[in-house]
Amino acid sequence: MALINPHINFNGNAEEAFNFYKSVFGGEFAKIIRLRDISTPEYPVAEHDANKIMHIALPIGKNILMANDVPESMGKVNENENRSKISVSAESREEADKLFSGLSAGGNIEVPIGDSPWGSYFGMFRDKFGIEWMVDFDPKYNGKA
């Protein structure tokens, strides 16, 4: 079965954001490529963009959370735009609480985590980097009540 792996664009703070995500999820980065690593005479990278992230990958379970910094020459990412959310399905209420608490620190909670009308344990927020997340635990889907 194919996996779906979210990819996020940042305005120069992808590394900071991913170090934060790594502190919550754990694990190690599978890959970090900086813009300077792909610079060629045909496609030079501006000095002020050289240390920015071209690609960063953090494995989370069987999935990989990926991102890059958008070079200034391509314009800015609107960090307050209405983008899709990253949904994390926890294996227990305890894991959902840990992930929700860790990822929402310094952010803006839109829906506090708790029992939802549709039967799952659910919460939603925008983290301190402007990324929107949903965290849920549904015992019907993983057999743990």
N, C-alpha and C. Protein backbone atom coordinates (compact mmCIF):
# COMPACT_ATOMS: atom_id res chain seq x y z
N MET A 1 0.85 -1.18 0.00
CA MET A 1 0.00 0.00 0.00
C MET A 1 0.89 1.23 0.00
N ALA A 2 0.53 2.22 -0.78
CA ALA A 2 1.27 3.47 -0.82
C ALA A 2 1.09 4.24 0.48
N LEU A 3 2.07 5.06 0.81
CA LEU A 3 2.00 5.93 1.98
C LEU A 3 1.81 7.36 1.52
N ILE A 4 1.15 8.16 2.33
CA ILE A 4 1.01 9.59 2.07
C ILE A 4 1.93 10.31 3.03
N ASN A 5 2.83 11.14 2.49
CA ASN A 5 3.81 11.84 3.30
C ASN A 5 3.64 13.34 3.12
N PRO A 6 3.25 14.07 4.17
CA PRO A 6 3.06 15.51 4.04
C PRO A 6 4.37 16.24 3.76
N HIS A 7 4.26 17.33 2.99
CA HIS A 7 5.40 18.18 2.66
C HIS A 7 5.00 19.62 2.92
N ILE A 8 5.87 20.37 3.63
CA ILE A 8 5.56 21.73 4.05
C ILE A 8 6.60 22.68 3.47
N ASN A 9 6.17 23.86 3.02
CA ASN A 9 7.07 24.92 2.58
C ASN A 9 7.23 25.95 3.70
N PHE A 10 8.47 26.40 3.93
CA PHE A 10 8.76 27.39 4.96
C PHE A 10 9.50 28.59 4.35
N ASN A 11 9.51 29.70 5.09
CA ASN A 11 10.21 30.91 4.68
C ASN A 11 11.55 31.06 5.38
N GLY A 12 12.35 30.00 5.38
CA GLY A 12 13.68 30.11 5.97
C GLY A 12 13.80 29.53 7.36
N ASN A 13 12.73 28.99 7.93
CA ASN A 13 12.81 28.42 9.26
C ASN A 13 12.44 26.93 9.31
N ALA A 14 12.63 26.24 8.18
CA ALA A 14 12.33 24.80 8.14
C ALA A 14 13.17 24.02 9.15
N GLU A 15 14.45 24.34 9.25
CA GLU A 15 15.31 23.60 10.17
C GLU A 15 14.87 23.80 11.62
N GLU A 16 14.55 25.03 11.99
CA GLU A 16 14.07 25.31 13.34
C GLU A 16 12.77 24.54 13.62
N ALA A 17 11.84 24.59 12.68
CA ALA A 17 10.57 23.89 12.84
C ALA A 17 10.79 22.39 12.97
N PHE A 18 11.66 21.83 12.14
CA PHE A 18 11.87 20.38 12.17
C PHE A 18 12.63 19.93 13.40
N ASN A 19 13.49 20.77 13.94
CA ASN A 19 14.11 20.43 15.23
C ASN A 19 13.06 20.40 16.32
N PHE A 20 12.09 21.30 16.25
CA PHE A 20 10.97 21.29 17.18
C PHE A 20 10.14 20.02 17.01
N TYR A 21 9.78 19.67 15.77
CA TYR A 21 8.99 18.46 15.53
C TYR A 21 9.74 17.21 15.99
N LYS A 22 11.03 17.19 15.74
CA LYS A 22 11.86 16.06 16.19
C LYS A 22 11.84 15.95 17.71
N SER A 23 11.81 17.08 18.42
CA SER A 23 11.78 17.05 19.88
C SER A 23 10.47 16.45 20.39
N VAL A 24 9.40 16.56 19.60
CA VAL A 24 8.10 16.00 20.00
C VAL A 24 7.98 14.55 19.56
N PHE A 25 8.26 14.24 18.30
CA PHE A 25 8.08 12.90 17.77
C PHE A 25 9.25 11.97 18.06
N GLY A 26 10.46 12.52 18.26
CA GLY A 26 11.65 11.69 18.42
C GLY A 26 12.19 11.28 17.07
N GLY A 27 13.18 10.40 17.10
CA GLY A 27 13.77 9.91 15.86
C GLY A 27 14.90 10.79 15.38
N GLU A 28 15.36 10.49 14.17
CA GLU A 28 16.46 11.23 13.56
C GLU A 28 16.05 11.62 12.15
N PHE A 29 16.64 12.68 11.63
CA PHE A 29 16.36 13.09 10.26
C PHE A 29 16.91 12.05 9.30
N ALA A 30 16.11 11.69 8.32
CA ALA A 30 16.55 10.74 7.29
C ALA A 30 17.43 11.45 6.27
N LYS A 31 17.20 12.75 6.09
CA LYS A 31 17.96 13.48 5.08
C LYS A 31 17.85 14.97 5.35
N ILE A 32 18.96 15.67 5.15
CA ILE A 32 18.98 17.14 5.14
C ILE A 32 19.85 17.57 3.96
N ILE A 33 19.26 18.32 3.05
CA ILE A 33 19.99 18.87 1.91
C ILE A 33 19.79 20.38 1.94
N ARG A 34 20.88 21.11 1.88
CA ARG A 34 20.80 22.57 1.87
C ARG A 34 20.83 23.06 0.43
N LEU A 35 20.32 24.26 0.22
CA LEU A 35 20.30 24.82 -1.13
C LEU A 35 21.70 24.90 -1.72
N ARG A 36 22.71 25.18 -0.90
CA ARG A 36 24.09 25.26 -1.41
C ARG A 36 24.54 23.93 -2.00
N ASP A 37 23.95 22.82 -1.51
CA ASP A 37 24.34 21.48 -1.98
C ASP A 37 23.88 21.21 -3.42
N ILE A 38 22.92 22.00 -3.90
CA ILE A 38 22.42 21.76 -5.26
C ILE A 38 22.82 22.89 -6.22
N SER A 39 23.60 23.83 -5.73
CA SER A 39 24.03 24.95 -6.56
C SER A 39 24.95 24.48 -7.68
N THR A 40 24.71 24.98 -8.89
CA THR A 40 25.56 24.68 -10.05
C THR A 40 25.80 25.99 -10.79
N PRO A 41 26.77 26.02 -11.67
CA PRO A 41 26.97 27.25 -12.47
C PRO A 41 25.72 27.64 -13.27
N GLU A 42 24.98 26.65 -13.73
CA GLU A 42 23.76 26.93 -14.50
C GLU A 42 22.63 27.43 -13.60
N TYR A 43 22.58 26.94 -12.36
CA TYR A 43 21.53 27.30 -11.40
C TYR A 43 22.18 27.68 -10.07
N PRO A 44 22.80 28.87 -10.03
CA PRO A 44 23.47 29.28 -8.80
C PRO A 44 22.45 29.62 -7.70
N VAL A 45 22.87 29.42 -6.46
CA VAL A 45 22.04 29.75 -5.30
C VAL A 45 22.62 31.02 -4.69
N ALA A 46 21.76 31.98 -4.42
CA ALA A 46 22.19 33.23 -3.79
C ALA A 46 22.80 32.95 -2.43
N GLU A 47 23.81 33.72 -2.07
CA GLU A 47 24.52 33.51 -0.79
C GLU A 47 23.56 33.55 0.40
N HIS A 48 22.59 34.45 0.39
CA HIS A 48 21.65 34.56 1.51
C HIS A 48 20.69 33.35 1.59
N ASP A 49 20.60 32.56 0.55
CA ASP A 49 19.77 31.35 0.56
C ASP A 49 20.58 30.06 0.75
N ALA A 50 21.90 30.16 0.70
CA ALA A 50 22.77 28.98 0.65
C ALA A 50 22.55 28.00 1.80
N ASN A 51 22.32 28.49 3.01
CA ASN A 51 22.19 27.60 4.17
C ASN A 51 20.75 27.14 4.42
N LYS A 52 19.82 27.64 3.62
CA LYS A 52 18.42 27.24 3.79
C LYS A 52 18.24 25.79 3.35
N ILE A 53 17.14 25.22 3.76
CA ILE A 53 16.86 23.80 3.53
C ILE A 53 16.21 23.57 2.15
N MET A 54 16.85 22.73 1.36
CA MET A 54 16.27 22.28 0.09
C MET A 54 15.32 21.11 0.35
N HIS A 55 15.71 20.22 1.27
CA HIS A 55 14.90 19.06 1.61
C HIS A 55 15.29 18.57 3.00
N ILE A 56 14.29 18.33 3.82
CA ILE A 56 14.51 17.73 5.13
C ILE A 56 13.41 16.70 5.33
N ALA A 57 13.77 15.56 5.93
CA ALA A 57 12.82 14.46 6.09
C ALA A 57 12.95 13.88 7.50
N LEU A 58 11.81 13.78 8.19
CA LEU A 58 11.74 13.19 9.52
C LEU A 58 10.78 12.01 9.50
N PRO A 59 11.31 10.77 9.57
CA PRO A 59 10.42 9.61 9.63
C PRO A 59 9.58 9.63 10.92
N ILE A 60 8.29 9.37 10.76
CA ILE A 60 7.37 9.26 11.89
C ILE A 60 6.57 8.00 11.64
N GLY A 61 6.90 6.95 12.37
CA GLY A 61 6.28 5.66 12.08
C GLY A 61 6.68 5.22 10.69
N LYS A 62 5.69 4.82 9.88
CA LYS A 62 5.97 4.40 8.50
C LYS A 62 5.93 5.59 7.54
N ASN A 63 5.56 6.76 8.03
CA ASN A 63 5.45 7.94 7.18
C ASN A 63 6.67 8.84 7.35
N ILE A 64 6.78 9.82 6.47
CA ILE A 64 7.88 10.78 6.53
C ILE A 64 7.29 12.17 6.40
N LEU A 65 7.61 13.03 7.36
CA LEU A 65 7.25 14.44 7.29
C LEU A 65 8.40 15.15 6.59
N MET A 66 8.09 15.89 5.51
CA MET A 66 9.13 16.52 4.70
C MET A 66 8.87 18.01 4.56
N ALA A 67 9.95 18.75 4.26
CA ALA A 67 9.80 20.20 4.08
C ALA A 67 10.97 20.77 3.31
N ASN A 68 10.82 22.04 2.98
CA ASN A 68 11.90 22.83 2.38
C ASN A 68 11.66 24.29 2.71
N ASP A 69 12.71 25.11 2.53
CA ASP A 69 12.59 26.56 2.59
C ASP A 69 12.40 27.05 1.16
N VAL A 70 11.52 28.01 0.98
CA VAL A 70 11.31 28.60 -0.34
C VAL A 70 12.37 29.68 -0.53
N PRO A 71 13.20 29.58 -1.58
CA PRO A 71 14.19 30.63 -1.82
C PRO A 71 13.50 31.99 -2.02
N GLU A 72 14.17 33.05 -1.58
CA GLU A 72 13.58 34.39 -1.69
C GLU A 72 13.20 34.74 -3.13
N SER A 73 13.95 34.22 -4.09
CA SER A 73 13.66 34.52 -5.50
C SER A 73 12.31 33.97 -5.94
N MET A 74 11.75 33.03 -5.19
CA MET A 74 10.46 32.43 -5.54
C MET A 74 9.30 33.08 -4.78
N GLY A 75 9.60 34.07 -3.94
CA GLY A 75 8.56 34.73 -3.17
C GLY A 75 8.38 34.10 -1.81
N LYS A 76 7.49 34.66 -1.03
CA LYS A 76 7.24 34.17 0.33
C LYS A 76 6.03 33.24 0.37
N VAL A 77 6.08 32.32 1.31
CA VAL A 77 4.94 31.48 1.62
C VAL A 77 4.08 32.28 2.59
N ASN A 78 2.79 32.35 2.35
CA ASN A 78 1.89 33.04 3.26
C ASN A 78 1.62 32.12 4.44
N GLU A 79 2.25 32.40 5.57
CA GLU A 79 2.14 31.50 6.72
C GLU A 79 0.79 31.57 7.41
N ASN A 80 -0.06 32.51 7.02
CA ASN A 80 -1.40 32.59 7.60
C ASN A 80 -2.48 32.15 6.62
N GLU A 81 -2.05 31.56 5.50
CA GLU A 81 -3.03 31.09 4.53
C GLU A 81 -3.81 29.91 5.09
N ASN A 82 -4.91 29.62 4.48
CA ASN A 82 -5.72 28.49 4.89
C ASN A 82 -5.22 27.27 4.15
N ARG A 83 -4.25 26.57 4.72
CA ARG A 83 -3.71 25.38 4.05
C ARG A 83 -4.33 24.13 4.63
N SER A 84 -4.04 23.03 4.03
CA SER A 84 -4.49 21.75 4.54
C SER A 84 -3.80 21.48 5.87
N LYS A 85 -4.43 20.67 6.68
CA LYS A 85 -3.87 20.33 7.98
C LYS A 85 -3.13 18.99 7.91
N ILE A 86 -2.16 18.83 8.79
CA ILE A 86 -1.50 17.54 8.95
C ILE A 86 -2.26 16.80 10.04
N SER A 87 -2.74 15.62 9.73
CA SER A 87 -3.51 14.83 10.68
C SER A 87 -2.65 13.70 11.22
N VAL A 88 -2.57 13.61 12.55
CA VAL A 88 -1.80 12.57 13.21
C VAL A 88 -2.77 11.67 13.97
N SER A 89 -2.76 10.38 13.66
CA SER A 89 -3.60 9.41 14.35
C SER A 89 -2.75 8.70 15.39
N ALA A 90 -3.06 8.96 16.65
CA ALA A 90 -2.31 8.38 17.76
C ALA A 90 -2.79 6.96 18.04
N GLU A 91 -1.94 6.21 18.74
CA GLU A 91 -2.29 4.84 19.10
C GLU A 91 -2.96 4.73 20.46
N SER A 92 -3.02 5.84 21.22
CA SER A 92 -3.66 5.85 22.53
C SER A 92 -4.02 7.29 22.90
N ARG A 93 -4.88 7.44 23.90
CA ARG A 93 -5.20 8.78 24.41
C ARG A 93 -3.94 9.44 24.95
N GLU A 94 -3.12 8.66 25.63
CA GLU A 94 -1.90 9.20 26.22
C GLU A 94 -0.97 9.75 25.14
N GLU A 95 -0.80 9.00 24.04
CA GLU A 95 0.04 9.47 22.96
C GLU A 95 -0.58 10.72 22.32
N ALA A 96 -1.90 10.73 22.14
CA ALA A 96 -2.58 11.91 21.58
C ALA A 96 -2.34 13.13 22.45
N ASP A 97 -2.46 12.97 23.77
CA ASP A 97 -2.22 14.08 24.69
C ASP A 97 -0.78 14.58 24.59
N LYS A 98 0.17 13.66 24.53
CA LYS A 98 1.59 14.02 24.45
C LYS A 98 1.88 14.79 23.17
N LEU A 99 1.39 14.29 22.03
CA LEU A 99 1.63 14.94 20.75
C LEU A 99 0.92 16.29 20.68
N PHE A 100 -0.32 16.34 21.13
CA PHE A 100 -1.07 17.60 21.11
C PHE A 100 -0.37 18.65 21.97
N SER A 101 -0.01 18.27 23.18
CA SER A 101 0.66 19.19 24.10
C SER A 101 2.00 19.67 23.54
N GLY A 102 2.79 18.74 23.02
CA GLY A 102 4.11 19.09 22.51
C GLY A 102 4.05 19.95 21.28
N LEU A 103 3.25 19.55 20.29
CA LEU A 103 3.19 20.28 19.02
C LEU A 103 2.48 21.63 19.13
N SER A 104 1.53 21.76 20.04
CA SER A 104 0.78 23.02 20.15
C SER A 104 1.48 24.04 21.04
N ALA A 105 2.57 23.66 21.72
CA ALA A 105 3.28 24.59 22.61
C ALA A 105 3.69 25.84 21.84
N GLY A 106 3.27 26.99 22.34
CA GLY A 106 3.60 28.25 21.69
C GLY A 106 2.73 28.58 20.50
N GLY A 107 1.78 27.70 20.19
CA GLY A 107 0.90 27.90 19.04
C GLY A 107 -0.46 28.41 19.44
N ASN A 108 -1.45 28.19 18.58
CA ASN A 108 -2.81 28.66 18.80
C ASN A 108 -3.75 27.48 18.72
N ILE A 109 -4.34 27.10 19.84
CA ILE A 109 -5.27 25.96 19.87
C ILE A 109 -6.62 26.40 19.33
N GLU A 110 -7.08 25.68 18.32
CA GLU A 110 -8.38 25.97 17.71
C GLU A 110 -9.48 25.11 18.33
N VAL A 111 -9.18 23.83 18.58
CA VAL A 111 -10.11 22.91 19.23
C VAL A 111 -9.31 22.16 20.29
N PRO A 112 -9.59 22.41 21.59
CA PRO A 112 -8.85 21.68 22.63
C PRO A 112 -9.07 20.18 22.49
N ILE A 113 -8.06 19.41 22.84
CA ILE A 113 -8.20 17.96 22.69
C ILE A 113 -9.20 17.43 23.71
N GLY A 114 -10.07 16.54 23.23
CA GLY A 114 -11.10 15.96 24.08
C GLY A 114 -11.99 15.05 23.26
N ASP A 115 -12.99 14.50 23.92
CA ASP A 115 -13.92 13.61 23.24
C ASP A 115 -14.78 14.41 22.26
N SER A 116 -14.87 13.91 21.04
CA SER A 116 -15.63 14.61 20.00
C SER A 116 -17.02 14.00 19.86
N PRO A 117 -17.95 14.73 19.23
CA PRO A 117 -19.29 14.18 19.01
C PRO A 117 -19.29 12.96 18.10
N TRP A 118 -18.26 12.79 17.27
CA TRP A 118 -18.22 11.65 16.34
C TRP A 118 -17.49 10.45 16.92
N GLY A 119 -17.09 10.53 18.19
CA GLY A 119 -16.57 9.35 18.87
C GLY A 119 -15.06 9.23 19.00
N SER A 120 -14.31 10.14 18.41
CA SER A 120 -12.85 10.06 18.58
C SER A 120 -12.40 11.09 19.61
N TYR A 121 -11.18 10.93 20.06
CA TYR A 121 -10.52 11.87 20.96
C TYR A 121 -9.73 12.79 20.05
N PHE A 122 -10.07 14.08 20.00
CA PHE A 122 -9.62 14.93 18.90
C PHE A 122 -9.28 16.34 19.38
N GLY A 123 -8.26 16.93 18.73
CA GLY A 123 -7.92 18.33 18.95
C GLY A 123 -7.29 18.92 17.69
N MET A 124 -7.32 20.26 17.58
CA MET A 124 -6.81 20.92 16.38
C MET A 124 -6.14 22.23 16.77
N PHE A 125 -5.02 22.55 16.10
CA PHE A 125 -4.28 23.76 16.43
C PHE A 125 -3.38 24.17 15.28
N ARG A 126 -2.86 25.39 15.39
CA ARG A 126 -1.82 25.91 14.49
C ARG A 126 -0.58 26.04 15.36
N ASP A 127 0.52 25.38 14.97
CA ASP A 127 1.73 25.41 15.80
C ASP A 127 2.43 26.77 15.71
N LYS A 128 3.49 26.93 16.46
CA LYS A 128 4.18 28.22 16.52
C LYS A 128 4.85 28.61 15.21
N PHE A 129 4.89 27.70 14.24
CA PHE A 129 5.43 27.99 12.92
C PHE A 129 4.33 28.26 11.90
N GLY A 130 3.06 28.24 12.34
CA GLY A 130 1.94 28.51 11.45
C GLY A 130 1.37 27.29 10.77
N ILE A 131 1.91 26.10 11.07
CA ILE A 131 1.44 24.86 10.45
C ILE A 131 0.22 24.35 11.21
N GLU A 132 -0.80 23.94 10.46
CA GLU A 132 -2.04 23.45 11.08
C GLU A 132 -2.01 21.94 11.25
N TRP A 133 -2.41 21.49 12.44
CA TRP A 133 -2.38 20.07 12.80
C TRP A 133 -3.73 19.64 13.37
N MET A 134 -4.04 18.36 13.19
CA MET A 134 -5.14 17.70 13.89
C MET A 134 -4.54 16.45 14.53
N VAL A 135 -4.89 16.21 15.78
CA VAL A 135 -4.43 15.00 16.47
C VAL A 135 -5.67 14.27 16.93
N ASP A 136 -5.71 12.96 16.65
CA ASP A 136 -6.85 12.20 17.12
C ASP A 136 -6.44 10.80 17.55
N PHE A 137 -7.31 10.22 18.37
CA PHE A 137 -7.23 8.81 18.73
C PHE A 137 -8.64 8.27 18.59
N ASP A 138 -8.80 7.25 17.78
CA ASP A 138 -10.11 6.63 17.59
C ASP A 138 -9.98 5.14 17.84
N PRO A 139 -10.51 4.65 18.97
CA PRO A 139 -10.36 3.22 19.28
C PRO A 139 -11.00 2.30 18.24
N LYS A 140 -11.96 2.79 17.45
CA LYS A 140 -12.58 1.96 16.42
C LYS A 140 -11.60 1.61 15.31
N TYR A 141 -10.60 2.47 15.10
CA TYR A 141 -9.67 2.25 14.01
C TYR A 141 -8.43 1.47 14.41
N ASN A 142 -8.08 1.48 15.69
CA ASN A 142 -6.88 0.72 16.06
C ASN A 142 -7.15 -0.31 17.16
N GLY A 143 -8.42 -0.51 17.50
CA GLY A 143 -8.77 -1.60 18.41
C GLY A 143 -8.36 -1.40 19.86
N LYS A 144 -8.01 -0.18 20.23
CA LYS A 144 -7.62 0.08 21.62
C LYS A 144 -8.62 1.05 22.23
N ALA A 145 -9.39 0.60 23.17
CA ALA A 145 -10.38 1.47 23.82
C ALA A 145 -9.80 2.20 25.00
